[in-house]
Amino acid sequence: MKLLVLTHRLPCPPHKGEKIRALNILKFLATRHEVHLVSLVDDDNDLRYVDQLHPHVRSLTVQQVHPRLRKAFALSAVASDESVSSRYFHVAALQRRVDALIEREGIAGVFCSSSPTAEYVFRSRHATRLRDVPKVMDLIDVDSVKWRHYAEQSHAGSAWLYRREARYLAALESRIGQQFDRVLVVSEAERRCCDSVAQDRVTAVPNGVDLDYFAPSVATSVECHPPTLVFTGVMDYRPNVDGIAWFVRSILPSIRTAVPDVRLFIVGNRPSKTVQRLASDPGVVVTGFVPDVREYVARGVSIAPLRIARGIQNKVLEAMAMGRPIVATPQAFEGIDAEPGRDLMVAGDEGEFAARTIECLQDQAHADRLGRAARARAEQCYSWSKNLALLDDLLPATGAGPAPVVVQHTQRSLLADAVSRAS
C-alpha cells in the first residue's frame, strides 16, 4: 500500500516518548508498505538524523519552521475557533506539498501521529478522495485531558488558556473519531479517557521497548558508585520539571537522612532554568543531553516522581528492560502492565516515596530482585513487534517492504509560514 505517514515532529532522534513511538511504528509499517513520510521540524538539531530514516521510506518531506515565530502565530488562535496546537503544527506550505504528494503518488492509506496532523487530511484539497482510503490516527495520549489537568494546576490566566485548548482539542478528537477508521492510544487508561470518540473506534496499542538495546548486560563508562538515583526525560517538559523539582525539594532531604552520600543524576535534553537550579545542590548532577542514557540508568535506582502524567512512561519501560529497581508514583505507573512490589515500587506520597527509595538503596538483594522481575515483565509485555501486530489488521500489508529509493524534500520557512495558514 502507498501509505502517507504524517508525524508532527521528525521521529529522529528518538529521545522522547512521542518520537520513540513514531519511529518504531514507522519501522514496522515500512516492512509492509511503501511509506511516504511527512514531518514538521522545529528543532534544527533533528536534521542531523534525517539519514537514519532513509532505509524506511520511499519519500521524505520535511518542513522546517522557526519555533518562536510559530508559537507567536499559534497564540493568535485564541481569537479564532481553532486550537493553538493545530495552528502551530499546520503550515500552509506543508499542506501544499502534502496535497502534491497525494496526487503524485496515488496515496492509498493514511497514518497520522498526534491529533494536529489530522488537519493535513481535513484541509487537503483531496479531502473527499481521502474519505475512501483507510485512515488510522495515533493520538498517543489524549491531549485534551492533559490540558485539562494543566488547567487544574495553574493560575487563573494560564488556566483559562489551558481550558480553552482542552475544549478545542476535544472537538478535534471528536472529529477524528468520526472521520478516521481507527484511533489508537497507548494504554487502556488512555482509552477510558477518550470520551470524545466512540469507544468502538479506539484501540489501546501499548508502547514497546528495544529489549536488545536496553539490556541488563549493557556496560557503562560512567563511574557511578552507589548510592545513586537516576531520573531521565526531556527536561523542559512540564511534567518532568514539576516531578523532579518536587522530588528534590520534598523527598530527597528525607532520603539523605538515611543515606547521606546519595547522588541524583537528572539526565535529559534541554534542562529548564528550574532544573538547572537544582544542580546548586552538591549531590545533584544535571547532565543535559547525553548520547546514551543507558550509561546512567545502568548504575542507579531509577525514579519516576511524576505528579502529572499521561500514557505510558518510556523512562519506566527502559529501566525495566535494563533490570533496574524502580520507584514510581501512581501517576507514572498508570498504564504500565506490571505488579507493584514485585516488578517495581509504587509510592503515593512523599514519605512513602522516600521510604521505598531508601529500601532500594540500602538493600541490594531487594533491588536485584526487583530488577530481575522488571526485566522478565518487559520481555513478556513490551516487545514492539508483538504490540504493533494489530496494525496489520488496520492497514493490510501489501508486501512492498522497505523502499530502495528515497527522495528527500527539505524547505526552510520562517516568517512566511509564521504568518500564513491554509485557507
Foldseek 3Di string as FASTA:
>chain_A
DEEEEEEAAALPPVQADLSLQSVLLLQVVLQFHAYAYEYEHQDVVRVVCVVVCQQRHQEYEYEYEHQVLLQVLLVVCVVDLAASVLSSRFFAVSLVVVLVCCVVVVHQEYEYEALSRCVSLVQHPCVVVHLPHAYEYENQAQVLVLLCVVLVVDDDVSNVSSPSNSVNSLVSLLVCLVRHQAYEYAFPVRLVVNPSHDSVRYDHQHAFDDLVQLALPDDAPDPDAPPEEEEEHAAVDVQNLVQVLCCLVQAVVLLCVVVVQYAYEYEHADHDPSRVVSVVPVRYHYDHYDPDCSNVLNHYEYEARGPRATHAGVSLLSSLSNLFEYEYEPRNCPRPPDDDPQQYHYDHDRVRSNVRRSCLRPPVVSGNRNSVRSNVSSVVPHDSCVSCVVVCVSPPGDSPHGDPHYHYHYDYDYNVRSNDGRD
